[in-house]
Amino acid sequence: MRAAVLALTLTAFAAPVAAKDPLLSLPIECDLGETCFIQNYVDSDPSPAASDHKCGTLTYDGHKGTDIRVATLAEMEAGITVLAAAPGTVRATRDGMPDIPSNAPDAPDLDGKDCGNGLVISHGDGWETQYCHMRRGSVIVKKGQRVAKGTALGLVGLSGKTVFPHIHLSLRHNGEVVDPFAPDAKGTCGPSENTLWQDDISYQAGGLLDVGFAEGVPDFADIKAGLPDPATLNADAAGLVLWGYAFGTREGDTMEFNITGPNGWRHDQVVEFTRPQAQVFRASGRKQPQGGWPAGTYEGVVTFSRAGSVLSTQSLTISR
């Protein structure tokens, strides 16, 4: 993950709904907004349409939890710990399902096990949390085990019905789904006076997951896997391409590419998105100049914006 400057819209911190209600901590060991991102929230719209608690588009119809993702499969494979969001007793576990995107040609028949590998923790007074899509063989707690808040439960994975590595956290009270960002919501979105999060969690309505350099336009599959940057720019490289990998795009959003190099060389382009997409990449660059690439340092900056406001920007350099 590159050095990143993120422009976030902060949610207001408030007290829990009632003293007996659980206060949740982040169920994943990462830096939210830097090394992990909320891809989807609970669907606040009871109709066939969908909206998150901020009346935004980071959800889909009937989604019942909060999806906290890592950018690439390489980061997942390095091992990202899933944590208990609140103290309680493990009620059920499941492990052994493969980490295969559910849209892959070799994806197994889920037979209703859309959650994949995961577990449920009971917190008393009818409250429980469920953790889905964990990595095969990583669940390290047992049914009946007491866990404290922050206890390691296993690792982020790609099991069950999912196409990106993440942990899906569902909160339920007496069997009914509760959005921890807006626990008082009754089928509506908009400002909420309450939250069930222990700490203030910023709302990021889309942004950059990763950026990189390549000699040509890369395959999306390679970017999602975790595409390493070339160590240096070869003088005879066919091209210099800067790519950006984003989530939560909307129609009208833009991704701006700026590359500067030796002797005043530069390349600039702005790409506009024409439709909402959960995850997408764009790339921009130049072919090799006559005589090859001049020696020196090349800096790339990718900026993701919405309605004239910067949501996030990332930068990196490569030398020849």
C-alpha atoms as a PDB file:
ATOM      1  CA  MET A   1       0.000   0.000   0.000  1.00  0.00           C
ATOM      2  CA  ARG A   2       1.444   3.358  -1.027  1.00  0.00           C
ATOM      3  CA  ALA A   3       1.639   6.557   0.951  1.00  0.00           C
ATOM      4  CA  ALA A   4      -1.900   7.874   0.906  1.00  0.00           C
ATOM      5  CA  VAL A   5      -3.674  11.096   1.781  1.00  0.00           C
ATOM      6  CA  LEU A   6      -7.370  10.411   2.343  1.00  0.00           C
ATOM      7  CA  ALA A   7     -10.154  13.002   2.412  1.00  0.00           C
ATOM      8  CA  LEU A   8     -12.854  11.562   4.669  1.00  0.00           C
ATOM      9  CA  THR A   9     -16.278  12.734   5.761  1.00  0.00           C
ATOM     10  CA  LEU A  10     -16.462  12.179   9.518  1.00  0.00           C
ATOM     11  CA  THR A  11     -19.468  10.684  11.213  1.00  0.00           C
ATOM     12  CA  ALA A  12     -20.475  12.163  14.519  1.00  0.00           C
ATOM     13  CA  PHE A  13     -19.590  10.118  17.576  1.00  0.00           C
ATOM     14  CA  ALA A  14     -22.467   9.480  19.923  1.00  0.00           C
ATOM     15  CA  ALA A  15     -23.346   7.335  22.902  1.00  0.00           C
ATOM     16  CA  PRO A  16     -24.778   3.836  22.465  1.00  0.00           C
ATOM     17  CA  VAL A  17     -28.531   3.397  22.302  1.00  0.00           C
ATOM     18  CA  ALA A  18     -28.677   2.088  25.859  1.00  0.00           C
ATOM     19  CA  ALA A  19     -26.200   1.010  28.515  1.00  0.00           C
ATOM     20  CA  LYS A  20     -26.974  -2.681  27.928  1.00  0.00           C
ATOM     21  CA  ASP A  21     -26.319  -2.497  24.174  1.00  0.00           C
ATOM     22  CA  PRO A  22     -22.929  -3.739  22.999  1.00  0.00           C
ATOM     23  CA  LEU A  23     -20.199  -1.323  21.979  1.00  0.00           C
ATOM     24  CA  LEU A  24     -18.293  -2.756  19.042  1.00  0.00           C
ATOM     25  CA  SER A  25     -14.636  -2.405  18.193  1.00  0.00           C
ATOM     26  CA  LEU A  26     -13.263  -2.827  14.673  1.00  0.00           C
ATOM     27  CA  PRO A  27     -13.359  -6.588  13.863  1.00  0.00           C
ATOM     28  CA  ILE A  28     -10.161  -6.553  11.818  1.00  0.00           C
ATOM     29  CA  GLU A  29      -6.528  -5.738  12.564  1.00  0.00           C
ATOM     30  CA  CYS A  30      -5.807  -2.913  10.120  1.00  0.00           C
ATOM     31  CA  ASP A  31      -5.787   0.873   9.706  1.00  0.00           C
ATOM     32  CA  LEU A  32      -9.220   1.797   8.392  1.00  0.00           C
ATOM     33  CA  GLY A  33      -8.972   4.078   5.377  1.00  0.00           C
ATOM     34  CA  GLU A  34      -5.330   3.171   4.774  1.00  0.00           C
ATOM     35  CA  THR A  35      -4.833  -0.610   4.770  1.00  0.00           C
ATOM     36  CA  CYS A  36      -8.498  -1.632   4.860  1.00  0.00           C
ATOM     37  CA  PHE A  37     -11.737  -0.081   3.647  1.00  0.00           C
ATOM     38  CA  ILE A  38     -15.482  -0.408   4.187  1.00  0.00           C
ATOM     39  CA  GLN A  39     -16.744  -1.662   0.826  1.00  0.00           C
ATOM     40  CA  ASN A  40     -20.402  -2.152   1.831  1.00  0.00           C
ATOM     41  CA  TYR A  41     -22.709  -1.103   4.664  1.00  0.00           C
ATOM     42  CA  VAL A  42     -26.088  -2.457   5.774  1.00  0.00           C
ATOM     43  CA  ASP A  43     -28.862  -1.769   3.259  1.00  0.00           C
ATOM     44  CA  SER A  44     -31.119   0.832   4.918  1.00  0.00           C
ATOM     45  CA  ASP A  45     -33.798   0.714   2.216  1.00  0.00           C
ATOM     46  CA  PRO A  46     -36.533  -1.948   2.669  1.00  0.00           C
ATOM     47  CA  SER A  47     -37.605  -1.613  -0.993  1.00  0.00           C
ATOM     48  CA  PRO A  48     -35.907  -3.366  -3.942  1.00  0.00           C
ATOM     49  CA  ALA A  49     -33.651  -0.299  -4.151  1.00  0.00           C
ATOM     50  CA  ALA A  50     -30.642   0.050  -1.824  1.00  0.00           C
ATOM     51  CA  SER A  51     -28.891   2.773   0.171  1.00  0.00           C
ATOM     52  CA  ASP A  52     -26.420   2.852   3.037  1.00  0.00           C
ATOM     53  CA  HIS A  53     -27.037   4.738   6.292  1.00  0.00           C
ATOM     54  CA  LYS A  54     -25.709   7.953   4.702  1.00  0.00           C
ATOM     55  CA  CYS A  55     -28.132   7.558   1.766  1.00  0.00           C
ATOM     56  CA  GLY A  56     -25.130   6.614  -0.364  1.00  0.00           C
ATOM     57  CA  THR A  57     -24.489   3.705  -2.710  1.00  0.00           C
ATOM     58  CA  LEU A  58     -22.029   1.598  -0.695  1.00  0.00           C
ATOM     59  CA  THR A  59     -24.410  -1.330  -0.273  1.00  0.00           C
ATOM     60  CA  TYR A  60     -26.723  -3.549  -2.305  1.00  0.00           C
ATOM     61  CA  ASP A  61     -30.284  -4.753  -1.922  1.00  0.00           C
ATOM     62  CA  GLY A  62     -30.740  -6.851   1.190  1.00  0.00           C
ATOM     63  CA  HIS A  63     -27.150  -6.550   2.454  1.00  0.00           C
ATOM     64  CA  LYS A  64     -27.178  -7.373   6.173  1.00  0.00           C
ATOM     65  CA  GLY A  65     -23.747  -6.376   7.449  1.00  0.00           C
ATOM     66  CA  THR A  66     -20.607  -4.286   7.183  1.00  0.00           C
ATOM     67  CA  ASP A  67     -17.958  -5.468   4.707  1.00  0.00           C
ATOM     68  CA  ILE A  68     -14.396  -4.429   5.646  1.00  0.00           C
ATOM     69  CA  ARG A  69     -12.002  -5.351   2.870  1.00  0.00           C
ATOM     70  CA  VAL A  70      -8.307  -5.416   2.150  1.00  0.00           C
ATOM     71  CA  ALA A  71      -7.107  -4.217  -1.255  1.00  0.00           C
ATOM     72  CA  THR A  72      -5.515  -7.321  -2.753  1.00  0.00           C
ATOM     73  CA  LEU A  73      -5.279 -11.081  -2.501  1.00  0.00           C
ATOM     74  CA  ALA A  74      -1.590 -10.722  -1.668  1.00  0.00           C
ATOM     75  CA  GLU A  75      -2.495  -8.763   1.466  1.00  0.00           C
ATOM     76  CA  MET A  76      -5.060 -11.406   2.393  1.00  0.00           C
ATOM     77  CA  GLU A  77      -2.498 -14.151   1.917  1.00  0.00           C
ATOM     78  CA  ALA A  78      -0.007 -12.283   4.127  1.00  0.00           C
ATOM     79  CA  GLY A  79      -2.539 -12.753   6.952  1.00  0.00           C
ATOM     80  CA  ILE A  80      -4.988 -10.147   8.316  1.00  0.00           C
ATOM     81  CA  THR A  81      -6.414 -11.028  11.726  1.00  0.00           C
ATOM     82  CA  VAL A  82     -10.157 -11.030  12.438  1.00  0.00           C
ATOM     83  CA  LEU A  83     -11.001  -9.818  15.957  1.00  0.00           C
ATOM     84  CA  ALA A  84     -13.989 -10.224  18.273  1.00  0.00           C
ATOM     85  CA  ALA A  85     -15.957  -6.963  18.131  1.00  0.00           C
ATOM     86  CA  ALA A  86     -17.370  -7.457  21.660  1.00  0.00           C
ATOM     87  CA  PRO A  87     -16.989  -9.932  24.531  1.00  0.00           C
ATOM     88  CA  GLY A  88     -19.182 -13.012  24.508  1.00  0.00           C
ATOM     89  CA  THR A  89     -19.479 -16.741  23.941  1.00  0.00           C
ATOM     90  CA  VAL A  90     -18.860 -18.487  20.627  1.00  0.00           C
ATOM     91  CA  ARG A  91     -22.179 -20.037  19.592  1.00  0.00           C
ATOM     92  CA  ALA A  92     -21.182 -21.705  16.320  1.00  0.00           C
ATOM     93  CA  THR A  93     -18.236 -22.030  13.922  1.00  0.00           C
ATOM     94  CA  ARG A  94     -17.581 -23.313  10.410  1.00  0.00           C
ATOM     95  CA  ASP A  95     -14.275 -23.906   8.606  1.00  0.00           C
ATOM     96  CA  GLY A  96     -12.953 -25.880   5.654  1.00  0.00           C
ATOM     97  CA  MET A  97     -14.528 -24.019   2.733  1.00  0.00           C
ATOM     98  CA  PRO A  98     -12.097 -22.924  -0.018  1.00  0.00           C
ATOM     99  CA  ASP A  99     -11.010 -19.351  -0.651  1.00  0.00           C
ATOM    100  CA  ILE A 100     -12.352 -19.021  -4.191  1.00  0.00           C
ATOM    101  CA  PRO A 101     -14.300 -16.035  -5.576  1.00  0.00           C
ATOM    102  CA  SER A 102     -17.920 -17.071  -5.962  1.00  0.00           C
ATOM    103  CA  ASN A 103     -17.959 -15.858  -9.575  1.00  0.00           C
ATOM    104  CA  ALA A 104     -14.929 -17.985 -10.566  1.00  0.00           C
ATOM    105  CA  PRO A 105     -15.460 -20.869 -13.035  1.00  0.00           C
ATOM    106  CA  ASP A 106     -14.236 -23.359 -10.429  1.00  0.00           C
ATOM    107  CA  ALA A 107     -16.265 -21.933  -7.544  1.00  0.00           C
ATOM    108  CA  PRO A 108     -17.946 -24.663  -5.470  1.00  0.00           C
ATOM    109  CA  ASP A 109     -21.686 -25.013  -4.941  1.00  0.00           C
ATOM    110  CA  LEU A 110     -22.285 -23.112  -1.704  1.00  0.00           C
ATOM    111  CA  ASP A 111     -25.460 -25.058  -0.850  1.00  0.00           C
ATOM    112  CA  GLY A 112     -26.729 -22.106   1.224  1.00  0.00           C
ATOM    113  CA  LYS A 113     -23.422 -21.551   3.016  1.00  0.00           C
ATOM    114  CA  ASP A 114     -23.000 -18.032   1.638  1.00  0.00           C
ATOM    115  CA  CYS A 115     -21.187 -16.901   4.806  1.00  0.00           C
ATOM    116  CA  GLY A 116     -18.331 -19.290   4.053  1.00  0.00           C
ATOM    117  CA  ASN A 117     -15.983 -19.942   6.949  1.00  0.00           C
ATOM    118  CA  GLY A 118     -16.933 -17.997  10.049  1.00  0.00           C
ATOM    119  CA  LEU A 119     -18.577 -17.941  13.441  1.00  0.00           C
ATOM    120  CA  VAL A 120     -21.270 -16.414  15.621  1.00  0.00           C
ATOM    121  CA  ILE A 121     -20.678 -14.849  19.051  1.00  0.00           C
ATOM    122  CA  SER A 122     -23.490 -14.324  21.572  1.00  0.00           C
ATOM    123  CA  HIS A 123     -23.187 -11.183  23.713  1.00  0.00           C
ATOM    124  CA  GLY A 124     -26.215 -11.565  25.976  1.00  0.00           C
ATOM    125  CA  ASP A 125     -29.616  -9.831  26.025  1.00  0.00           C
ATOM    126  CA  GLY A 126     -30.378 -11.174  22.554  1.00  0.00           C
ATOM    127  CA  TRP A 127     -27.339  -9.606  20.869  1.00  0.00           C
ATOM    128  CA  GLU A 128     -24.978 -11.511  18.571  1.00  0.00           C
ATOM    129  CA  THR A 129     -22.354 -10.845  15.923  1.00  0.00           C
ATOM    130  CA  GLN A 130     -21.551 -13.013  12.914  1.00  0.00           C
ATOM    131  CA  TYR A 131     -18.192 -13.063  11.073  1.00  0.00           C
ATOM    132  CA  CYS A 132     -18.151 -14.328   7.473  1.00  0.00           C
ATOM    133  CA  HIS A 133     -15.752 -15.148   4.583  1.00  0.00           C
ATOM    134  CA  MET A 134     -12.819 -16.126   6.780  1.00  0.00           C
ATOM    135  CA  ARG A 135      -9.771 -17.937   5.411  1.00  0.00           C
ATOM    136  CA  ARG A 136      -9.893 -21.719   5.243  1.00  0.00           C
ATOM    137  CA  GLY A 137      -8.168 -23.344   8.196  1.00  0.00           C
ATOM    138  CA  SER A 138      -7.841 -20.079  10.114  1.00  0.00           C
ATOM    139  CA  VAL A 139     -10.727 -20.218  12.631  1.00  0.00           C
ATOM    140  CA  ILE A 140      -9.016 -20.664  16.010  1.00  0.00           C
ATOM    141  CA  VAL A 141     -11.927 -20.480  18.470  1.00  0.00           C
ATOM    142  CA  LYS A 142     -14.362 -23.227  19.440  1.00  0.00           C
ATOM    143  CA  LYS A 143     -18.059 -23.434  20.182  1.00  0.00           C
ATOM    144  CA  GLY A 144     -18.711 -22.571  23.827  1.00  0.00           C
ATOM    145  CA  GLN A 145     -15.456 -20.624  24.219  1.00  0.00           C
ATOM    146  CA  ARG A 146     -15.601 -17.270  26.028  1.00  0.00           C
ATOM    147  CA  VAL A 147     -13.811 -14.471  24.180  1.00  0.00           C
ATOM    148  CA  ALA A 148     -12.866 -10.951  25.181  1.00  0.00           C
ATOM    149  CA  LYS A 149     -13.218  -7.940  22.927  1.00  0.00           C
ATOM    150  CA  GLY A 150     -10.256  -7.954  20.544  1.00  0.00           C
ATOM    151  CA  THR A 151      -9.626 -11.707  20.796  1.00  0.00           C
ATOM    152  CA  ALA A 152      -8.124 -13.119  17.590  1.00  0.00           C
ATOM    153  CA  LEU A 153     -10.711 -15.308  15.835  1.00  0.00           C
ATOM    154  CA  GLY A 154      -8.921 -16.192  12.595  1.00  0.00           C
ATOM    155  CA  LEU A 155      -7.960 -14.517   9.321  1.00  0.00           C
ATOM    156  CA  VAL A 156      -9.658 -12.523   6.572  1.00  0.00           C
ATOM    157  CA  GLY A 157     -10.441 -14.776   3.612  1.00  0.00           C
ATOM    158  CA  LEU A 158     -12.389 -15.269   0.410  1.00  0.00           C
ATOM    159  CA  SER A 159     -14.724 -18.133   1.296  1.00  0.00           C
ATOM    160  CA  GLY A 160     -18.441 -18.276   0.621  1.00  0.00           C
ATOM    161  CA  LYS A 161     -20.343 -15.821  -1.578  1.00  0.00           C
ATOM    162  CA  THR A 162     -17.826 -13.051  -2.182  1.00  0.00           C
ATOM    163  CA  VAL A 163     -15.600 -11.710  -4.945  1.00  0.00           C
ATOM    164  CA  PHE A 164     -13.078  -9.745  -2.846  1.00  0.00           C
ATOM    165  CA  PRO A 165     -11.170 -10.482   0.394  1.00  0.00           C
ATOM    166  CA  HIS A 166     -12.987  -9.090   3.423  1.00  0.00           C
ATOM    167  CA  ILE A 167     -14.671  -9.754   6.727  1.00  0.00           C
ATOM    168  CA  HIS A 168     -18.450  -9.399   6.754  1.00  0.00           C
ATOM    169  CA  LEU A 169     -19.711  -8.410  10.218  1.00  0.00           C
ATOM    170  CA  SER A 170     -23.433  -8.752  10.955  1.00  0.00           C
ATOM    171  CA  LEU A 171     -24.979  -7.467  14.169  1.00  0.00           C
ATOM    172  CA  ARG A 172     -28.341  -8.874  15.264  1.00  0.00           C
ATOM    173  CA  HIS A 173     -30.680  -8.281  18.202  1.00  0.00           C
ATOM    174  CA  ASN A 174     -33.264 -10.994  18.853  1.00  0.00           C
ATOM    175  CA  GLY A 175     -32.667 -12.203  15.327  1.00  0.00           C
ATOM    176  CA  GLU A 176     -33.195  -8.814  13.661  1.00  0.00           C
ATOM    177  CA  VAL A 177     -30.373  -7.117  11.748  1.00  0.00           C
ATOM    178  CA  VAL A 178     -29.102  -3.899  13.367  1.00  0.00           C
ATOM    179  CA  ASP A 179     -26.885  -1.387  11.572  1.00  0.00           C
ATOM    180  CA  PRO A 180     -24.212  -0.400  14.123  1.00  0.00           C
ATOM    181  CA  PHE A 181     -23.820   2.940  12.317  1.00  0.00           C
ATOM    182  CA  ALA A 182     -27.533   3.752  12.690  1.00  0.00           C
ATOM    183  CA  PRO A 183     -29.127   1.398  15.253  1.00  0.00           C
ATOM    184  CA  ASP A 184     -32.284   3.515  15.541  1.00  0.00           C
ATOM    185  CA  ALA A 185     -32.979   3.491  11.805  1.00  0.00           C
ATOM    186  CA  LYS A 186     -36.389   2.125  10.894  1.00  0.00           C
ATOM    187  CA  GLY A 187     -36.113   1.464   7.204  1.00  0.00           C
ATOM    188  CA  THR A 188     -34.697   4.904   6.432  1.00  0.00           C
ATOM    189  CA  CYS A 189     -31.310   6.494   5.843  1.00  0.00           C
ATOM    190  CA  GLY A 190     -29.973   9.835   6.963  1.00  0.00           C
ATOM    191  CA  PRO A 191     -28.379  11.409  10.063  1.00  0.00           C
ATOM    192  CA  SER A 192     -28.351   9.163  13.150  1.00  0.00           C
ATOM    193  CA  GLU A 193     -27.892  10.368  16.708  1.00  0.00           C
ATOM    194  CA  ASN A 194     -26.570   7.027  17.900  1.00  0.00           C
ATOM    195  CA  THR A 195     -23.895   4.507  17.034  1.00  0.00           C
ATOM    196  CA  LEU A 196     -22.837   1.158  18.457  1.00  0.00           C
ATOM    197  CA  TRP A 197     -19.165   1.636  17.589  1.00  0.00           C
ATOM    198  CA  GLN A 198     -16.755   2.153  20.459  1.00  0.00           C
ATOM    199  CA  ASP A 199     -14.659   4.585  18.421  1.00  0.00           C
ATOM    200  CA  ASP A 200     -15.556   7.179  15.839  1.00  0.00           C
ATOM    201  CA  ILE A 201     -15.469   5.538  12.385  1.00  0.00           C
ATOM    202  CA  SER A 202     -15.230   7.808   9.378  1.00  0.00           C
ATOM    203  CA  TYR A 203     -17.549   7.374   6.409  1.00  0.00           C
ATOM    204  CA  GLN A 204     -15.538   7.062   3.202  1.00  0.00           C
ATOM    205  CA  ALA A 205     -17.858   7.146   0.224  1.00  0.00           C
ATOM    206  CA  GLY A 206     -15.396   5.502  -2.168  1.00  0.00           C
ATOM    207  CA  GLY A 207     -11.692   5.928  -2.830  1.00  0.00           C
ATOM    208  CA  LEU A 208      -8.424   4.446  -4.017  1.00  0.00           C
ATOM    209  CA  LEU A 209      -7.398   0.976  -2.936  1.00  0.00           C
ATOM    210  CA  ASP A 210      -3.985   0.934  -4.638  1.00  0.00           C
ATOM    211  CA  VAL A 211      -1.921   2.538  -7.404  1.00  0.00           C
ATOM    212  CA  GLY A 212       1.116   1.422  -9.349  1.00  0.00           C
ATOM    213  CA  PHE A 213       3.440   1.704 -12.326  1.00  0.00           C
ATOM    214  CA  ALA A 214       3.711  -0.788 -15.199  1.00  0.00           C
ATOM    215  CA  GLU A 215       5.238  -0.911 -18.670  1.00  0.00           C
ATOM    216  CA  GLY A 216       1.803  -1.450 -20.219  1.00  0.00           C
ATOM    217  CA  VAL A 217      -1.868  -1.561 -19.205  1.00  0.00           C
ATOM    218  CA  PRO A 218      -2.098  -4.414 -16.681  1.00  0.00           C
ATOM    219  CA  ASP A 219      -4.789  -7.067 -16.399  1.00  0.00           C
ATOM    220  CA  PHE A 220      -7.431  -6.393 -13.752  1.00  0.00           C
ATOM    221  CA  ALA A 221      -6.906  -9.895 -12.363  1.00  0.00           C
ATOM    222  CA  ASP A 222      -3.249  -9.058 -11.685  1.00  0.00           C
ATOM    223  CA  ILE A 223      -4.167  -5.818  -9.938  1.00  0.00           C
ATOM    224  CA  LYS A 224      -6.700  -7.587  -7.701  1.00  0.00           C
ATOM    225  CA  ALA A 225      -4.103 -10.239  -6.930  1.00  0.00           C
ATOM    226  CA  GLY A 226      -1.552  -7.610  -5.900  1.00  0.00           C
ATOM    227  CA  LEU A 227       0.592  -6.370  -8.778  1.00  0.00           C
ATOM    228  CA  PRO A 228       4.180  -5.528  -7.730  1.00  0.00           C
ATOM    229  CA  ASP A 229       5.786  -2.399  -9.156  1.00  0.00           C
ATOM    230  CA  PRO A 230       8.827  -2.752 -11.405  1.00  0.00           C
ATOM    231  CA  ALA A 231      11.988  -2.111  -9.381  1.00  0.00           C
ATOM    232  CA  THR A 232      13.262   0.366 -11.979  1.00  0.00           C
ATOM    233  CA  LEU A 233      12.218   1.814 -15.314  1.00  0.00           C
ATOM    234  CA  ASN A 234      14.293   0.277 -18.089  1.00  0.00           C
ATOM    235  CA  ALA A 235      15.595   2.701 -20.708  1.00  0.00           C
ATOM    236  CA  ASP A 236      13.984   0.585 -23.438  1.00  0.00           C
ATOM    237  CA  ALA A 237      10.670  -0.061 -21.618  1.00  0.00           C
ATOM    238  CA  ALA A 238       7.795  -0.087 -24.113  1.00  0.00           C
ATOM    239  CA  GLY A 239       5.867   2.427 -22.030  1.00  0.00           C
ATOM    240  CA  LEU A 240       5.266   3.975 -18.647  1.00  0.00           C
ATOM    241  CA  VAL A 241       1.725   3.440 -17.376  1.00  0.00           C
ATOM    242  CA  LEU A 242       0.242   4.660 -14.097  1.00  0.00           C
ATOM    243  CA  TRP A 243      -2.797   2.731 -12.867  1.00  0.00           C
ATOM    244  CA  GLY A 244      -5.334   3.288 -10.098  1.00  0.00           C
ATOM    245  CA  TYR A 245      -7.575   0.741  -8.363  1.00  0.00           C
ATOM    246  CA  ALA A 246     -10.715   2.208  -6.770  1.00  0.00           C
ATOM    247  CA  PHE A 247     -13.889   1.183  -4.947  1.00  0.00           C
ATOM    248  CA  GLY A 248     -17.338   2.719  -4.715  1.00  0.00           C
ATOM    249  CA  THR A 249     -17.310   4.785  -7.908  1.00  0.00           C
ATOM    250  CA  ARG A 250     -20.363   6.758  -8.998  1.00  0.00           C
ATOM    251  CA  GLU A 251     -21.336   8.250 -12.324  1.00  0.00           C
ATOM    252  CA  GLY A 252     -19.401  11.477 -12.803  1.00  0.00           C
ATOM    253  CA  ASP A 253     -16.499  10.549 -10.502  1.00  0.00           C
ATOM    254  CA  THR A 254     -13.041  11.182 -11.925  1.00  0.00           C
ATOM    255  CA  MET A 255      -9.603   9.603 -11.651  1.00  0.00           C
ATOM    256  CA  GLU A 256      -6.755  11.959 -12.498  1.00  0.00           C
ATOM    257  CA  PHE A 257      -3.314  10.726 -13.540  1.00  0.00           C
ATOM    258  CA  ASN A 258      -0.218  12.927 -13.272  1.00  0.00           C
ATOM    259  CA  ILE A 259       3.283  11.699 -14.096  1.00  0.00           C
ATOM    260  CA  THR A 260       6.322  13.984 -13.945  1.00  0.00           C
ATOM    261  CA  GLY A 261       9.850  13.038 -15.024  1.00  0.00           C
ATOM    262  CA  PRO A 262      13.303  14.417 -15.845  1.00  0.00           C
ATOM    263  CA  ASN A 263      13.824  17.511 -18.014  1.00  0.00           C
ATOM    264  CA  GLY A 264      10.251  18.713 -17.567  1.00  0.00           C
ATOM    265  CA  TRP A 265       8.673  15.565 -19.032  1.00  0.00           C
ATOM    266  CA  ARG A 266       5.085  15.023 -17.856  1.00  0.00           C
ATOM    267  CA  HIS A 267       1.855  13.247 -18.661  1.00  0.00           C
ATOM    268  CA  ASP A 268      -1.606  14.277 -17.439  1.00  0.00           C
ATOM    269  CA  GLN A 269      -5.039  12.780 -18.028  1.00  0.00           C
ATOM    270  CA  VAL A 270      -8.440  12.810 -16.318  1.00  0.00           C
ATOM    271  CA  VAL A 271     -10.779   9.823 -16.740  1.00  0.00           C
ATOM    272  CA  GLU A 272     -14.488  10.087 -15.892  1.00  0.00           C
ATOM    273  CA  PHE A 273     -16.587   7.150 -14.688  1.00  0.00           C
ATOM    274  CA  THR A 274     -19.923   6.649 -16.406  1.00  0.00           C
ATOM    275  CA  ARG A 275     -21.611   4.290 -13.933  1.00  0.00           C
ATOM    276  CA  PRO A 276     -21.374   3.047 -10.349  1.00  0.00           C
ATOM    277  CA  GLN A 277     -18.966   0.156  -9.784  1.00  0.00           C
ATOM    278  CA  ALA A 278     -17.988  -1.703  -6.617  1.00  0.00           C
ATOM    279  CA  GLN A 279     -14.355  -2.031  -7.710  1.00  0.00           C
ATOM    280  CA  VAL A 280     -12.654  -0.846 -10.878  1.00  0.00           C
ATOM    281  CA  PHE A 281      -9.291   0.192 -12.302  1.00  0.00           C
ATOM    282  CA  ARG A 282      -8.141   2.723 -14.870  1.00  0.00           C
ATOM    283  CA  ALA A 283      -4.706   3.359 -16.376  1.00  0.00           C
ATOM    284  CA  SER A 284      -2.958   6.122 -18.288  1.00  0.00           C
ATOM    285  CA  GLY A 285       0.535   6.637 -19.662  1.00  0.00           C
ATOM    286  CA  ARG A 286       2.864   7.122 -22.617  1.00  0.00           C
ATOM    287  CA  LYS A 287       4.833   5.007 -25.042  1.00  0.00           C
ATOM    288  CA  GLN A 288       8.643   5.056 -24.943  1.00  0.00           C
ATOM    289  CA  PRO A 289       9.987   8.381 -26.277  1.00  0.00           C
ATOM    290  CA  GLN A 290      12.438   8.471 -29.137  1.00  0.00           C
ATOM    291  CA  GLY A 291      15.887   7.620 -27.783  1.00  0.00           C
ATOM    292  CA  GLY A 292      14.529   5.810 -24.721  1.00  0.00           C
ATOM    293  CA  TRP A 293      13.556   7.003 -21.274  1.00  0.00           C
ATOM    294  CA  PRO A 294      15.801   9.750 -19.802  1.00  0.00           C
ATOM    295  CA  ALA A 295      17.604   8.857 -16.574  1.00  0.00           C
ATOM    296  CA  GLY A 296      16.073  10.266 -13.421  1.00  0.00           C
ATOM    297  CA  THR A 297      13.065   9.948 -11.129  1.00  0.00           C
ATOM    298  CA  TYR A 298       9.460   9.667 -12.310  1.00  0.00           C
ATOM    299  CA  GLU A 299       6.660  10.496  -9.865  1.00  0.00           C
ATOM    300  CA  GLY A 300       3.086   9.342 -10.323  1.00  0.00           C
ATOM    301  CA  VAL A 301       0.053  10.784  -8.544  1.00  0.00           C
ATOM    302  CA  VAL A 302      -3.462   9.339  -8.820  1.00  0.00           C
ATOM    303  CA  THR A 303      -6.367  11.431  -7.509  1.00  0.00           C
ATOM    304  CA  PHE A 304      -9.931  10.153  -7.089  1.00  0.00           C
ATOM    305  CA  SER A 305     -12.557  12.909  -6.931  1.00  0.00           C
ATOM    306  CA  ARG A 306     -16.320  13.395  -6.725  1.00  0.00           C
ATOM    307  CA  ALA A 307     -18.190  16.583  -7.596  1.00  0.00           C
ATOM    308  CA  GLY A 308     -14.962  18.560  -7.476  1.00  0.00           C
ATOM    309  CA  SER A 309     -13.907  17.253  -4.048  1.00  0.00           C
ATOM    310  CA  VAL A 310     -10.927  14.926  -3.583  1.00  0.00           C
ATOM    311  CA  LEU A 311     -11.869  11.643  -1.909  1.00  0.00           C
ATOM    312  CA  SER A 312      -8.361  10.162  -1.912  1.00  0.00           C
ATOM    313  CA  THR A 313      -4.966  10.443  -3.540  1.00  0.00           C
ATOM    314  CA  GLN A 314      -1.929   8.178  -3.668  1.00  0.00           C
ATOM    315  CA  SER A 315       1.570   8.703  -5.042  1.00  0.00           C
ATOM    316  CA  LEU A 316       4.709   6.719  -5.838  1.00  0.00           C
ATOM    317  CA  THR A 317       8.042   7.080  -7.660  1.00  0.00           C
ATOM    318  CA  ILE A 318      10.213   4.985  -9.956  1.00  0.00           C
ATOM    319  CA  SER A 319      13.762   5.662 -11.154  1.00  0.00           C
ATOM    320  CA  ARG A 320      15.576   4.983 -14.399  1.00  0.00           C
END
